[in-house]
Protein backbone atom coordinates (compact mmCIF):
# COMPACT_ATOMS: atom_id res chain seq x y z
CA UNK A 1 89.92 73.77 126.91
CA UNK A 2 91.99 76.70 128.43
CA UNK A 3 90.56 80.18 129.36
CA UNK A 4 92.83 83.27 130.20
CA UNK A 5 91.83 86.34 131.05
CA UNK A 6 94.46 89.46 131.21
CA UNK A 7 94.63 93.25 131.85
CA UNK A 8 97.20 95.39 130.28
CA UNK A 9 98.54 98.17 131.61
CA UNK A 10 101.50 100.80 130.48
CA UNK A 11 102.36 104.39 131.84
CA UNK A 12 104.97 106.23 130.25
CA UNK A 13 106.56 109.53 131.18
CA UNK A 14 109.09 111.05 128.80
CA UNK A 15 109.88 114.83 129.53
CA UNK A 16 106.45 116.58 129.82
CA UNK A 17 104.59 113.99 127.71
CA UNK A 18 102.57 111.55 130.04
CA UNK A 19 101.02 108.42 128.09
CA UNK A 20 98.88 105.65 129.47
CA UNK A 21 97.50 102.50 127.74
CA UNK A 22 95.24 99.87 129.14
CA UNK A 23 92.82 97.36 128.26
CA UNK A 24 91.35 93.65 128.87
CA UNK A 25 92.60 90.64 127.25
CA UNK A 26 90.80 87.20 126.73
CA UNK A 27 91.78 84.11 124.78
CA UNK A 28 90.14 80.53 124.63
CA UNK A 29 92.37 77.45 123.24
CA UNK A 30 90.89 74.08 122.78
CA UNK A 31 92.50 71.00 121.06
CA UNK A 32 90.29 68.65 119.40
CA UNK A 33 90.70 65.13 117.43
CA UNK A 34 93.41 63.33 119.69
CA UNK A 35 95.19 66.62 119.86
CA UNK A 36 95.79 67.42 116.27
CA UNK A 37 93.29 70.24 115.90
CA UNK A 38 94.31 72.84 117.87
CA UNK A 39 92.16 76.30 117.74
CA UNK A 40 92.57 79.42 119.55
CA UNK A 41 90.67 82.60 120.04
CA UNK A 42 91.30 85.85 121.45
CA UNK A 43 89.96 89.54 121.90
CA UNK A 44 91.61 92.56 123.11
CA UNK A 45 90.97 96.22 123.68
CA UNK A 46 93.35 98.88 124.63
CA UNK A 47 92.91 102.63 125.52
CA UNK A 48 95.78 104.76 124.77
CA UNK A 49 95.72 108.51 126.21
CA UNK A 50 98.36 110.86 125.94
CA UNK A 51 98.58 115.00 125.97
CA UNK A 52 98.28 114.50 122.49
CA UNK A 53 95.90 112.13 121.30
CA UNK A 54 93.81 109.35 122.44
CA UNK A 55 93.58 105.96 120.42
CA UNK A 56 91.22 102.88 121.09
CA UNK A 57 92.32 99.53 119.47
CA UNK A 58 90.25 96.23 119.24
CA UNK A 59 92.04 93.14 118.06
CA UNK A 60 90.36 90.03 117.08
CA UNK A 61 92.43 86.98 116.63
CA UNK A 62 91.72 83.49 115.46
CA UNK A 63 94.18 80.87 114.87
CA UNK A 64 93.71 77.18 113.94
CA UNK A 65 96.46 74.44 113.32
CA UNK A 66 96.13 70.70 112.29
CA UNK A 67 98.95 67.78 112.17
CA UNK A 68 98.56 65.49 109.80
CA UNK A 69 100.51 62.09 110.21
CA UNK A 70 102.92 63.61 112.61
CA UNK A 71 104.62 64.96 109.69
CA UNK A 72 102.76 68.08 108.18
CA UNK A 73 101.57 71.13 110.13
CA UNK A 74 98.79 72.94 108.58
CA UNK A 75 98.24 76.63 110.35
CA UNK A 76 95.41 79.49 109.53
CA UNK A 77 95.90 82.95 111.11
CA UNK A 78 93.09 85.71 110.99
CA UNK A 79 93.63 89.09 112.96
CA UNK A 80 90.96 91.69 112.54
CA UNK A 81 92.23 95.24 113.97
CA UNK A 82 89.98 97.97 114.48
CA UNK A 83 91.49 101.02 115.38
CA UNK A 84 89.92 104.26 116.17
CA UNK A 85 92.33 107.76 116.50
CA UNK A 86 91.18 111.08 117.66
CA UNK A 87 91.34 112.25 113.86
CA UNK A 88 90.20 109.05 111.87
CA UNK A 89 89.29 105.22 112.28
CA UNK A 90 91.17 102.42 110.62
CA UNK A 91 90.58 98.70 109.75
CA UNK A 92 92.95 96.08 109.11
CA UNK A 93 92.96 92.55 108.47
CA UNK A 94 95.66 90.05 107.96
CA UNK A 95 95.14 86.33 106.93
CA UNK A 96 98.14 84.24 106.91
CA UNK A 97 98.24 80.49 105.91
CA UNK A 98 101.15 78.20 105.99
CA UNK A 99 102.50 74.63 105.99
CA UNK A 100 105.56 73.08 107.24
CA UNK A 101 106.84 69.49 107.12
CA UNK A 102 108.93 67.57 109.58
CA UNK A 103 111.52 65.03 108.75
């Protein structure tokens, strides 16, 4: 099992506009079934501030992949995004499923 913690930070200055973004990230990865099943879960939260707007974004990610007979790779990715703008709130959900074959 791997656990990763990180802190993101950005400071931008363009002309008279100043903007900053910062926030923590946590990610957990684990392999099962003799390394054929790989799971990953991550969460991050970023706060952006500028002269004109403030934004908060929370991102939840889950990934799972399975290797079958060393040839087939199945993967499922789910991303849930919660965005809080100074004018409105938005939620986005993205789900991706795929299969690849190696020969």
